[in-house]
PDB file of all heavy atoms in Angstrom:
ATOM      1  N   ASP A   1     -11.798   1.643  17.095  1.00  0.00           N
ATOM      2  CA  ASP A   1     -12.560   0.841  16.135  1.00  0.00           C
ATOM      3  C   ASP A   1     -11.624  -0.187  15.495  1.00  0.00           C
ATOM      4  O   ASP A   1     -11.080   0.036  14.411  1.00  0.00           O
ATOM      5  CB  ASP A   1     -13.185   1.744  15.064  1.00  0.00           C
ATOM      6  CG  ASP A   1     -14.176   1.012  14.167  1.00  0.00           C
ATOM      7  OD1 ASP A   1     -14.119  -0.237  14.120  1.00  0.00           O
ATOM      8  OD2 ASP A   1     -14.988   1.687  13.492  1.00  0.00           O
ATOM      9  N   PRO A   2     -11.401  -1.330  16.149  1.00  0.00           N
ATOM     10  CA  PRO A   2     -10.469  -2.336  15.610  1.00  0.00           C
ATOM     11  C   PRO A   2     -10.850  -2.826  14.216  1.00  0.00           C
ATOM     12  O   PRO A   2      -9.953  -3.094  13.397  1.00  0.00           O
ATOM     13  CB  PRO A   2     -10.548  -3.464  16.644  1.00  0.00           C
ATOM     14  CG  PRO A   2     -11.026  -2.817  17.898  1.00  0.00           C
ATOM     15  CD  PRO A   2     -11.942  -1.732  17.459  1.00  0.00           C
ATOM     16  N   ASP A   3     -12.139  -2.931  13.932  1.00  0.00           N
ATOM     17  CA  ASP A   3     -12.540  -3.392  12.598  1.00  0.00           C
ATOM     18  C   ASP A   3     -12.108  -2.392  11.524  1.00  0.00           C
ATOM     19  O   ASP A   3     -11.621  -2.785  10.450  1.00  0.00           O
ATOM     20  CB  ASP A   3     -14.054  -3.599  12.548  1.00  0.00           C
ATOM     21  CG  ASP A   3     -14.506  -4.795  13.377  1.00  0.00           C
ATOM     22  OD1 ASP A   3     -13.677  -5.708  13.584  1.00  0.00           O
ATOM     23  OD2 ASP A   3     -15.673  -4.805  13.817  1.00  0.00           O
ATOM     24  N   GLU A   4     -12.291  -1.101  11.789  1.00  0.00           N
ATOM     25  CA  GLU A   4     -11.849  -0.081  10.841  1.00  0.00           C
ATOM     26  C   GLU A   4     -10.328  -0.108  10.715  1.00  0.00           C
ATOM     27  O   GLU A   4      -9.782   0.099   9.620  1.00  0.00           O
ATOM     28  CB  GLU A   4     -12.319   1.304  11.299  1.00  0.00           C
ATOM     29  CG  GLU A   4     -11.811   2.483  10.478  1.00  0.00           C
ATOM     30  CD  GLU A   4     -12.318   2.496   9.043  1.00  0.00           C
ATOM     31  OE1 GLU A   4     -13.178   1.667   8.690  1.00  0.00           O
ATOM     32  OE2 GLU A   4     -11.852   3.353   8.269  1.00  0.00           O
ATOM     33  N   ALA A   5      -9.645  -0.374  11.817  1.00  0.00           N
ATOM     34  CA  ALA A   5      -8.182  -0.471  11.767  1.00  0.00           C
ATOM     35  C   ALA A   5      -7.742  -1.611  10.857  1.00  0.00           C
ATOM     36  O   ALA A   5      -6.824  -1.451  10.033  1.00  0.00           O
ATOM     37  CB  ALA A   5      -7.629  -0.666  13.183  1.00  0.00           C
ATOM     38  N   ARG A   6      -8.380  -2.744  10.981  1.00  0.00           N
ATOM     39  CA  ARG A   6      -8.030  -3.883  10.119  1.00  0.00           C
ATOM     40  C   ARG A   6      -8.313  -3.558   8.657  1.00  0.00           C
ATOM     41  O   ARG A   6      -7.545  -3.928   7.759  1.00  0.00           O
ATOM     42  CB  ARG A   6      -8.807  -5.124  10.551  1.00  0.00           C
ATOM     43  CG  ARG A   6      -8.447  -5.624  11.951  1.00  0.00           C
ATOM     44  CD  ARG A   6      -9.172  -6.937  12.270  1.00  0.00           C
ATOM     45  NE  ARG A   6      -9.056  -7.265  13.679  1.00  0.00           N
ATOM     46  CZ  ARG A   6      -9.965  -6.992  14.605  1.00  0.00           C
ATOM     47  NH1 ARG A   6     -11.098  -6.384  14.246  1.00  0.00           N
ATOM     48  NH2 ARG A   6      -9.769  -7.311  15.857  1.00  0.00           N
ATOM     49  N   ARG A   7      -9.435  -2.873   8.393  1.00  0.00           N
ATOM     50  CA  ARG A   7      -9.781  -2.509   7.020  1.00  0.00           C
ATOM     51  C   ARG A   7      -8.714  -1.601   6.411  1.00  0.00           C
ATOM     52  O   ARG A   7      -8.314  -1.774   5.245  1.00  0.00           O
ATOM     53  CB  ARG A   7     -11.139  -1.806   6.996  1.00  0.00           C
ATOM     54  CG  ARG A   7     -11.662  -1.543   5.572  1.00  0.00           C
ATOM     55  CD  ARG A   7     -12.823  -0.572   5.561  1.00  0.00           C
ATOM     56  NE  ARG A   7     -12.408   0.758   5.953  1.00  0.00           N
ATOM     57  CZ  ARG A   7     -11.757   1.605   5.149  1.00  0.00           C
ATOM     58  NH1 ARG A   7     -11.420   1.241   3.918  1.00  0.00           N
ATOM     59  NH2 ARG A   7     -11.432   2.807   5.570  1.00  0.00           N
ATOM     60  N   LEU A   8      -8.233  -0.636   7.192  1.00  0.00           N
ATOM     61  CA  LEU A   8      -7.206   0.285   6.708  1.00  0.00           C
ATOM     62  C   LEU A   8      -5.897  -0.448   6.403  1.00  0.00           C
ATOM     63  O   LEU A   8      -5.223  -0.158   5.409  1.00  0.00           O
ATOM     64  CB  LEU A   8      -6.973   1.399   7.729  1.00  0.00           C
ATOM     65  CG  LEU A   8      -8.064   2.474   7.805  1.00  0.00           C
ATOM     66  CD1 LEU A   8      -7.890   3.320   9.073  1.00  0.00           C
ATOM     67  CD2 LEU A   8      -8.018   3.365   6.576  1.00  0.00           C
ATOM     68  N   LEU A   9      -5.544  -1.401   7.251  1.00  0.00           N
ATOM     69  CA  LEU A   9      -4.324  -2.178   6.998  1.00  0.00           C
ATOM     70  C   LEU A   9      -4.462  -3.000   5.716  1.00  0.00           C
ATOM     71  O   LEU A   9      -3.524  -3.090   4.913  1.00  0.00           O
ATOM     72  CB  LEU A   9      -4.016  -3.089   8.182  1.00  0.00           C
ATOM     73  CG  LEU A   9      -3.533  -2.415   9.473  1.00  0.00           C
ATOM     74  CD1 LEU A   9      -3.339  -3.455  10.564  1.00  0.00           C
ATOM     75  CD2 LEU A   9      -2.232  -1.653   9.236  1.00  0.00           C
ATOM     76  N   THR A  10      -5.632  -3.586   5.535  1.00  0.00           N
ATOM     77  CA  THR A  10      -5.868  -4.368   4.309  1.00  0.00           C
ATOM     78  C   THR A  10      -5.797  -3.468   3.082  1.00  0.00           C
ATOM     79  O   THR A  10      -5.189  -3.827   2.056  1.00  0.00           O
ATOM     80  CB  THR A  10      -7.237  -5.059   4.389  1.00  0.00           C
ATOM     81  OG1 THR A  10      -7.253  -5.946   5.507  1.00  0.00           O
ATOM     82  CG2 THR A  10      -7.510  -5.850   3.118  1.00  0.00           C
ATOM     83  N   GLU A  11      -6.412  -2.295   3.185  1.00  0.00           N
ATOM     84  CA  GLU A  11      -6.385  -1.335   2.084  1.00  0.00           C
ATOM     85  C   GLU A  11      -4.956  -0.917   1.744  1.00  0.00           C
ATOM     86  O   GLU A  11      -4.612  -0.699   0.575  1.00  0.00           O
ATOM     87  CB  GLU A  11      -7.221  -0.115   2.453  1.00  0.00           C
ATOM     88  CG  GLU A  11      -7.329   0.931   1.361  1.00  0.00           C
ATOM     89  CD  GLU A  11      -8.161   2.125   1.812  1.00  0.00           C
ATOM     90  OE1 GLU A  11      -9.301   1.902   2.272  1.00  0.00           O
ATOM     91  OE2 GLU A  11      -7.668   3.259   1.712  1.00  0.00           O
ATOM     92  N   ALA A  12      -4.105  -0.819   2.780  1.00  0.00           N
ATOM     93  CA  ALA A  12      -2.710  -0.434   2.576  1.00  0.00           C
ATOM     94  C   ALA A  12      -1.846  -1.605   2.137  1.00  0.00           C
ATOM     95  O   ALA A  12      -0.663  -1.419   1.832  1.00  0.00           O
ATOM     96  CB  ALA A  12      -2.157   0.176   3.864  1.00  0.00           C
ATOM     97  N   GLY A  13      -2.420  -2.815   2.107  1.00  0.00           N
ATOM     98  CA  GLY A  13      -1.672  -3.996   1.709  1.00  0.00           C
ATOM     99  C   GLY A  13      -0.634  -4.420   2.724  1.00  0.00           C
ATOM    100  O   GLY A  13       0.418  -4.970   2.362  1.00  0.00           O
ATOM    101  N   VAL A  14      -0.928  -4.199   3.991  1.00  0.00           N
ATOM    102  CA  VAL A  14       0.028  -4.480   5.069  1.00  0.00           C
ATOM    103  C   VAL A  14      -0.471  -5.649   5.910  1.00  0.00           C
ATOM    104  O   VAL A  14      -1.626  -5.677   6.339  1.00  0.00           O
ATOM    105  CB  VAL A  14       0.229  -3.240   5.965  1.00  0.00           C
ATOM    106  CG1 VAL A  14       1.067  -3.582   7.194  1.00  0.00           C
ATOM    107  CG2 VAL A  14       0.907  -2.126   5.180  1.00  0.00           C
ATOM    108  N   SER A  15       0.418  -6.595   6.162  1.00  0.00           N
ATOM    109  CA  SER A  15       0.124  -7.702   7.070  1.00  0.00           C
ATOM    110  C   SER A  15       1.410  -8.098   7.779  1.00  0.00           C
ATOM    111  O   SER A  15       2.514  -7.782   7.326  1.00  0.00           O
ATOM    112  CB  SER A  15      -0.451  -8.901   6.313  1.00  0.00           C
ATOM    113  OG  SER A  15       0.485  -9.366   5.344  1.00  0.00           O
ATOM    114  N   ASP A  16       1.264  -8.790   8.891  1.00  0.00           N
ATOM    115  CA  ASP A  16       2.421  -9.259   9.676  1.00  0.00           C
ATOM    116  C   ASP A  16       3.393  -8.115   9.981  1.00  0.00           C
ATOM    117  O   ASP A  16       4.617  -8.275   9.890  1.00  0.00           O
ATOM    118  CB  ASP A  16       3.161 -10.384   8.940  1.00  0.00           C
ATOM    119  CG  ASP A  16       2.282 -11.602   8.703  1.00  0.00           C
ATOM    120  OD1 ASP A  16       1.488 -11.918   9.614  1.00  0.00           O
ATOM    121  OD2 ASP A  16       2.372 -12.201   7.626  1.00  0.00           O
ATOM    122  N   LEU A  17       2.843  -6.958  10.366  1.00  0.00           N
ATOM    123  CA  LEU A  17       3.678  -5.798  10.682  1.00  0.00           C
ATOM    124  C   LEU A  17       4.243  -5.939  12.097  1.00  0.00           C
ATOM    125  O   LEU A  17       3.533  -6.317  13.033  1.00  0.00           O
ATOM    126  CB  LEU A  17       2.835  -4.519  10.580  1.00  0.00           C
ATOM    127  CG  LEU A  17       3.538  -3.193  10.856  1.00  0.00           C
ATOM    128  CD1 LEU A  17       4.654  -2.947   9.845  1.00  0.00           C
ATOM    129  CD2 LEU A  17       2.524  -2.047  10.827  1.00  0.00           C
ATOM    130  N   SER A  18       5.519  -5.648  12.255  1.00  0.00           N
ATOM    131  CA  SER A  18       6.151  -5.632  13.576  1.00  0.00           C
ATOM    132  C   SER A  18       6.775  -4.266  13.809  1.00  0.00           C
ATOM    133  O   SER A  18       7.392  -3.682  12.914  1.00  0.00           O
ATOM    134  CB  SER A  18       7.221  -6.724  13.686  1.00  0.00           C
ATOM    135  OG  SER A  18       8.254  -6.518  12.754  1.00  0.00           O
ATOM    136  N   LEU A  19       6.607  -3.735  15.022  1.00  0.00           N
ATOM    137  CA  LEU A  19       7.079  -2.397  15.356  1.00  0.00           C
ATOM    138  C   LEU A  19       7.732  -2.403  16.731  1.00  0.00           C
ATOM    139  O   LEU A  19       7.488  -3.303  17.548  1.00  0.00           O
ATOM    140  CB  LEU A  19       5.915  -1.401  15.356  1.00  0.00           C
ATOM    141  CG  LEU A  19       5.186  -1.173  14.031  1.00  0.00           C
ATOM    142  CD1 LEU A  19       3.909  -0.383  14.258  1.00  0.00           C
ATOM    143  CD2 LEU A  19       6.090  -0.449  13.034  1.00  0.00           C
ATOM    144  N   THR A  20       8.539  -1.372  16.997  1.00  0.00           N
ATOM    145  CA  THR A  20       9.103  -1.167  18.330  1.00  0.00           C
ATOM    146  C   THR A  20       8.439   0.048  18.967  1.00  0.00           C
ATOM    147  O   THR A  20       8.137   1.046  18.286  1.00  0.00           O
ATOM    148  CB  THR A  20      10.622  -0.944  18.271  1.00  0.00           C
ATOM    149  OG1 THR A  20      10.904   0.179  17.431  1.00  0.00           O
ATOM    150  CG2 THR A  20      11.325  -2.176  17.737  1.00  0.00           C
ATOM    151  N   LEU A  21       8.218  -0.041  20.265  1.00  0.00           N
ATOM    152  CA  LEU A  21       7.606   1.043  21.043  1.00  0.00           C
ATOM    153  C   LEU A  21       8.546   1.376  22.191  1.00  0.00           C
ATOM    154  O   LEU A  21       8.752   0.553  23.085  1.00  0.00           O
ATOM    155  CB  LEU A  21       6.226   0.622  21.549  1.00  0.00           C
ATOM    156  CG  LEU A  21       5.517   1.540  22.557  1.00  0.00           C
ATOM    157  CD1 LEU A  21       5.386   2.955  22.013  1.00  0.00           C
ATOM    158  CD2 LEU A  21       4.147   0.964  22.923  1.00  0.00           C
ATOM    159  N   GLN A  22       9.135   2.566  22.156  1.00  0.00           N
ATOM    160  CA  GLN A  22      10.127   2.956  23.151  1.00  0.00           C
ATOM    161  C   GLN A  22       9.511   3.928  24.155  1.00  0.00           C
ATOM    162  O   GLN A  22       8.785   4.860  23.775  1.00  0.00           O
ATOM    163  CB  GLN A  22      11.337   3.578  22.455  1.00  0.00           C
ATOM    164  CG  GLN A  22      11.970   2.618  21.453  1.00  0.00           C
ATOM    165  CD  GLN A  22      13.236   3.143  20.841  1.00  0.00           C
ATOM    166  OE1 GLN A  22      14.277   3.179  21.487  1.00  0.00           O
ATOM    167  NE2 GLN A  22      13.158   3.558  19.583  1.00  0.00           N
ATOM    168  N   VAL A  23       9.824   3.703  25.429  1.00  0.00           N
ATOM    169  CA  VAL A  23       9.220   4.496  26.502  1.00  0.00           C
ATOM    170  C   VAL A  23      10.247   4.756  27.590  1.00  0.00           C
ATOM    171  O   VAL A  23      11.208   4.003  27.759  1.00  0.00           O
ATOM    172  CB  VAL A  23       8.002   3.784  27.131  1.00  0.00           C
ATOM    173  CG1 VAL A  23       6.906   3.583  26.106  1.00  0.00           C
ATOM    174  CG2 VAL A  23       8.401   2.460  27.760  1.00  0.00           C
ATOM    175  N   LEU A  24      10.028   5.835  28.349  1.00  0.00           N
ATOM    176  CA  LEU A  24      10.795   6.043  29.563  1.00  0.00           C
ATOM    177  C   LEU A  24      10.518   4.895  30.524  1.00  0.00           C
ATOM    178  O   LEU A  24       9.372   4.459  30.672  1.00  0.00           O
ATOM    179  CB  LEU A  24      10.403   7.363  30.227  1.00  0.00           C
ATOM    180  CG  LEU A  24      11.168   8.620  29.835  1.00  0.00           C
ATOM    181  CD1 LEU A  24      10.515   9.843  30.463  1.00  0.00           C
ATOM    182  CD2 LEU A  24      12.622   8.520  30.277  1.00  0.00           C
ATOM    183  N   ASN A  25      11.548   4.429  31.180  1.00  0.00           N
ATOM    184  CA  ASN A  25      11.420   3.276  32.072  1.00  0.00           C
ATOM    185  C   ASN A  25      10.795   3.696  33.404  1.00  0.00           C
ATOM    186  O   ASN A  25      11.439   3.714  34.449  1.00  0.00           O
ATOM    187  CB  ASN A  25      12.790   2.635  32.299  1.00  0.00           C
ATOM    188  CG  ASN A  25      12.672   1.280  32.989  1.00  0.00           C
ATOM    189  OD1 ASN A  25      11.585   0.696  33.055  1.00  0.00           O
ATOM    190  ND2 ASN A  25      13.776   0.790  33.504  1.00  0.00           N
ATOM    191  N   GLN A  26       9.516   4.059  33.331  1.00  0.00           N
ATOM    192  CA  GLN A  26       8.707   4.390  34.503  1.00  0.00           C
ATOM    193  C   GLN A  26       7.434   3.566  34.442  1.00  0.00           C
ATOM    194  O   GLN A  26       6.936   3.256  33.359  1.00  0.00           O
ATOM    195  CB  GLN A  26       8.386   5.893  34.532  1.00  0.00           C
ATOM    196  CG  GLN A  26       9.621   6.773  34.663  1.00  0.00           C
ATOM    197  CD  GLN A  26       9.290   8.248  34.546  1.00  0.00           C
ATOM    198  OE1 GLN A  26       8.205   8.637  34.116  1.00  0.00           O
ATOM    199  NE2 GLN A  26      10.243   9.093  34.901  1.00  0.00           N
ATOM    200  N   GLN A  27       6.902   3.241  35.605  1.00  0.00           N
ATOM    201  CA  GLN A  27       5.820   2.257  35.671  1.00  0.00           C
ATOM    202  C   GLN A  27       4.641   2.629  34.789  1.00  0.00           C
ATOM    203  O   GLN A  27       4.130   1.799  34.027  1.00  0.00           O
ATOM    204  CB  GLN A  27       5.354   2.063  37.111  1.00  0.00           C
ATOM    205  CG  GLN A  27       4.241   1.017  37.236  1.00  0.00           C
ATOM    206  CD  GLN A  27       3.794   0.819  38.671  1.00  0.00           C
ATOM    207  OE1 GLN A  27       4.385   1.360  39.596  1.00  0.00           O
ATOM    208  NE2 GLN A  27       2.744   0.046  38.852  1.00  0.00           N
ATOM    209  N   LYS A  28       4.182   3.898  34.881  1.00  0.00           N
ATOM    210  CA  LYS A  28       2.987   4.259  34.107  1.00  0.00           C
ATOM    211  C   LYS A  28       3.226   4.160  32.616  1.00  0.00           C
ATOM    212  O   LYS A  28       2.341   3.760  31.852  1.00  0.00           O
ATOM    213  CB  LYS A  28       2.514   5.664  34.485  1.00  0.00           C
ATOM    214  CG  LYS A  28       3.438   6.797  34.127  1.00  0.00           C
ATOM    215  CD  LYS A  28       2.788   8.129  34.436  1.00  0.00           C
ATOM    216  CE  LYS A  28       3.694   9.302  34.048  1.00  0.00           C
ATOM    217  NZ  LYS A  28       4.847   9.446  34.921  1.00  0.00           N
ATOM    218  N   ASN A  29       4.434   4.504  32.172  1.00  0.00           N
ATOM    219  CA  ASN A  29       4.749   4.434  30.751  1.00  0.00           C
ATOM    220  C   ASN A  29       4.857   2.994  30.267  1.00  0.00           C
ATOM    221  O   ASN A  29       4.378   2.643  29.182  1.00  0.00           O
ATOM    222  CB  ASN A  29       6.049   5.185  30.473  1.00  0.00           C
ATOM    223  CG  ASN A  29       5.936   6.657  30.745  1.00  0.00           C
ATOM    224  OD1 ASN A  29       4.939   7.285  30.424  1.00  0.00           O
ATOM    225  ND2 ASN A  29       6.966   7.228  31.360  1.00  0.00           N
ATOM    226  N   VAL A  30       5.503   2.149  31.070  1.00  0.00           N
ATOM    227  CA  VAL A  30       5.647   0.748  30.692  1.00  0.00           C
ATOM    228  C   VAL A  30       4.277   0.067  30.667  1.00  0.00           C
ATOM    229  O   VAL A  30       3.961  -0.706  29.751  1.00  0.00           O
ATOM    230  CB  VAL A  30       6.615   0.025  31.644  1.00  0.00           C
ATOM    231  CG1 VAL A  30       6.639  -1.472  31.351  1.00  0.00           C
ATOM    232  CG2 VAL A  30       8.024   0.613  31.515  1.00  0.00           C
ATOM    233  N   THR A  31       3.438   0.374  31.666  1.00  0.00           N
ATOM    234  CA  THR A  31       2.084  -0.196  31.689  1.00  0.00           C
ATOM    235  C   THR A  31       1.295   0.246  30.467  1.00  0.00           C
ATOM    236  O   THR A  31       0.612  -0.558  29.812  1.00  0.00           O
ATOM    237  CB  THR A  31       1.353   0.220  32.974  1.00  0.00           C
ATOM    238  OG1 THR A  31       2.073  -0.260  34.106  1.00  0.00           O
ATOM    239  CG2 THR A  31      -0.063  -0.347  32.997  1.00  0.00           C
ATOM    240  N   SER A  32       1.379   1.533  30.137  1.00  0.00           N
ATOM    241  CA  SER A  32       0.679   2.042  28.951  1.00  0.00           C
ATOM    242  C   SER A  32       1.163   1.339  27.694  1.00  0.00           C
ATOM    243  O   SER A  32       0.361   0.958  26.817  1.00  0.00           O
ATOM    244  CB  SER A  32       0.914   3.554  28.816  1.00  0.00           C
ATOM    245  OG  SER A  32       0.399   4.253  29.932  1.00  0.00           O
ATOM    246  N   ALA A  33       2.482   1.148  27.591  1.00  0.00           N
ATOM    247  CA  ALA A  33       3.043   0.494  26.418  1.00  0.00           C
ATOM    248  C   ALA A  33       2.574  -0.954  26.304  1.00  0.00           C
ATOM    249  O   ALA A  33       2.297  -1.455  25.205  1.00  0.00           O
ATOM    250  CB  ALA A  33       4.568   0.551  26.472  1.00  0.00           C
ATOM    251  N   GLN A  34       2.469  -1.649  27.428  1.00  0.00           N
ATOM    252  CA  GLN A  34       2.016  -3.038  27.404  1.00  0.00           C
ATOM    253  C   GLN A  34       0.557  -3.144  26.956  1.00  0.00           C
ATOM    254  O   GLN A  34       0.185  -4.083  26.248  1.00  0.00           O
ATOM    255  CB  GLN A  34       2.219  -3.665  28.777  1.00  0.00           C
ATOM    256  CG  GLN A  34       3.688  -3.874  29.127  1.00  0.00           C
ATOM    257  CD  GLN A  34       3.909  -4.245  30.577  1.00  0.00           C
ATOM    258  OE1 GLN A  34       3.049  -4.017  31.436  1.00  0.00           O
ATOM    259  NE2 GLN A  34       5.069  -4.811  30.871  1.00  0.00           N
ATOM    260  N   ILE A  35      -0.261  -2.163  27.343  1.00  0.00           N
ATOM    261  CA  ILE A  35      -1.650  -2.151  26.886  1.00  0.00           C
ATOM    262  C   ILE A  35      -1.712  -1.904  25.382  1.00  0.00           C
ATOM    263  O   ILE A  35      -2.447  -2.577  24.640  1.00  0.00           O
ATOM    264  CB  ILE A  35      -2.455  -1.091  27.656  1.00  0.00           C
ATOM    265  CG1 ILE A  35      -2.593  -1.509  29.120  1.00  0.00           C
ATOM    266  CG2 ILE A  35      -3.823  -0.877  27.020  1.00  0.00           C
ATOM    267  CD1 ILE A  35      -3.115  -0.432  30.016  1.00  0.00           C
ATOM    268  N   ILE A  36      -0.926  -0.953  24.902  1.00  0.00           N
ATOM    269  CA  ILE A  36      -0.860  -0.692  23.462  1.00  0.00           C
ATOM    270  C   ILE A  36      -0.379  -1.931  22.726  1.00  0.00           C
ATOM    271  O   ILE A  36      -0.890  -2.286  21.651  1.00  0.00           O
ATOM    272  CB  ILE A  36       0.058   0.521  23.195  1.00  0.00           C
ATOM    273  CG1 ILE A  36      -0.612   1.799  23.709  1.00  0.00           C
ATOM    274  CG2 ILE A  36       0.388   0.641  21.705  1.00  0.00           C
ATOM    275  CD1 ILE A  36       0.286   3.020  23.696  1.00  0.00           C
ATOM    276  N   GLN A  37       0.586  -2.609  23.291  1.00  0.00           N
ATOM    277  CA  GLN A  37       1.100  -3.854  22.702  1.00  0.00           C
ATOM    278  C   GLN A  37      -0.029  -4.867  22.522  1.00  0.00           C
ATOM    279  O   GLN A  37      -0.172  -5.492  21.460  1.00  0.00           O
ATOM    280  CB  GLN A  37       2.196  -4.414  23.607  1.00  0.00           C
ATOM    281  CG  GLN A  37       2.858  -5.688  23.134  1.00  0.00           C
ATOM    282  CD  GLN A  37       3.840  -6.202  24.172  1.00  0.00           C
ATOM    283  OE1 GLN A  37       3.523  -6.324  25.358  1.00  0.00           O
ATOM    284  NE2 GLN A  37       5.057  -6.498  23.730  1.00  0.00           N
ATOM    285  N   GLN A  38      -0.855  -5.038  23.545  1.00  0.00           N
ATOM    286  CA  GLN A  38      -1.963  -5.994  23.489  1.00  0.00           C
ATOM    287  C   GLN A  38      -3.012  -5.560  22.466  1.00  0.00           C
ATOM    288  O   GLN A  38      -3.526  -6.381  21.697  1.00  0.00           O
ATOM    289  CB  GLN A  38      -2.595  -6.124  24.874  1.00  0.00           C
ATOM    290  CG  GLN A  38      -1.667  -6.740  25.916  1.00  0.00           C
ATOM    291  CD  GLN A  38      -2.215  -6.594  27.316  1.00  0.00           C
ATOM    292  OE1 GLN A  38      -3.337  -6.112  27.520  1.00  0.00           O
ATOM    293  NE2 GLN A  38      -1.426  -6.994  28.312  1.00  0.00           N
ATOM    294  N   GLN A  39      -3.326  -4.264  22.443  1.00  0.00           N
ATOM    295  CA  GLN A  39      -4.380  -3.789  21.550  1.00  0.00           C
ATOM    296  C   GLN A  39      -3.945  -3.853  20.082  1.00  0.00           C
ATOM    297  O   GLN A  39      -4.755  -4.171  19.209  1.00  0.00           O
ATOM    298  CB  GLN A  39      -4.786  -2.371  21.950  1.00  0.00           C
ATOM    299  CG  GLN A  39      -5.478  -2.331  23.313  1.00  0.00           C
ATOM    300  CD  GLN A  39      -5.871  -0.929  23.744  1.00  0.00           C
ATOM    301  OE1 GLN A  39      -5.313   0.071  23.281  1.00  0.00           O
ATOM    302  NE2 GLN A  39      -6.836  -0.840  24.646  1.00  0.00           N
ATOM    303  N   LEU A  40      -2.677  -3.566  19.813  1.00  0.00           N
ATOM    304  CA  LEU A  40      -2.215  -3.662  18.429  1.00  0.00           C
ATOM    305  C   LEU A  40      -2.085  -5.119  17.991  1.00  0.00           C
ATOM    306  O   LEU A  40      -2.254  -5.429  16.807  1.00  0.00           O
ATOM    307  CB  LEU A  40      -0.893  -2.913  18.259  1.00  0.00           C
ATOM    308  CG  LEU A  40      -0.984  -1.384  18.375  1.00  0.00           C
ATOM    309  CD1 LEU A  40       0.375  -0.746  18.118  1.00  0.00           C
ATOM    310  CD2 LEU A  40      -2.017  -0.818  17.406  1.00  0.00           C
ATOM    311  N   ALA A  41      -1.796  -6.005  18.931  1.00  0.00           N
ATOM    312  CA  ALA A  41      -1.763  -7.434  18.588  1.00  0.00           C
ATOM    313  C   ALA A  41      -3.128  -7.895  18.095  1.00  0.00           C
ATOM    314  O   ALA A  41      -3.219  -8.795  17.236  1.00  0.00           O
ATOM    315  CB  ALA A  41      -1.324  -8.252  19.791  1.00  0.00           C
ATOM    316  N   ASP A  42      -4.183  -7.270  18.583  1.00  0.00           N
ATOM    317  CA  ASP A  42      -5.543  -7.648  18.196  1.00  0.00           C
ATOM    318  C   ASP A  42      -5.821  -7.363  16.723  1.00  0.00           C
ATOM    319  O   ASP A  42      -6.728  -7.957  16.137  1.00  0.00           O
ATOM    320  CB  ASP A  42      -6.552  -6.906  19.082  1.00  0.00           C
ATOM    321  CG  ASP A  42      -7.982  -7.354  18.851  1.00  0.00           C
ATOM    322  OD1 ASP A  42      -8.210  -8.575  18.775  1.00  0.00           O
ATOM    323  OD2 ASP A  42      -8.864  -6.473  18.727  1.00  0.00           O
TER     324      ASP A  42
END
């Protein structure tokens, strides 16, 4: 629920958050991380 996610961030007073996501260097993990990267960018 991206809309609920945005509401929670606003409630927490958080904007322009940047994070690191560390994964084992294996294809499935890197692919999963890239999808998470795209979804959190939203």
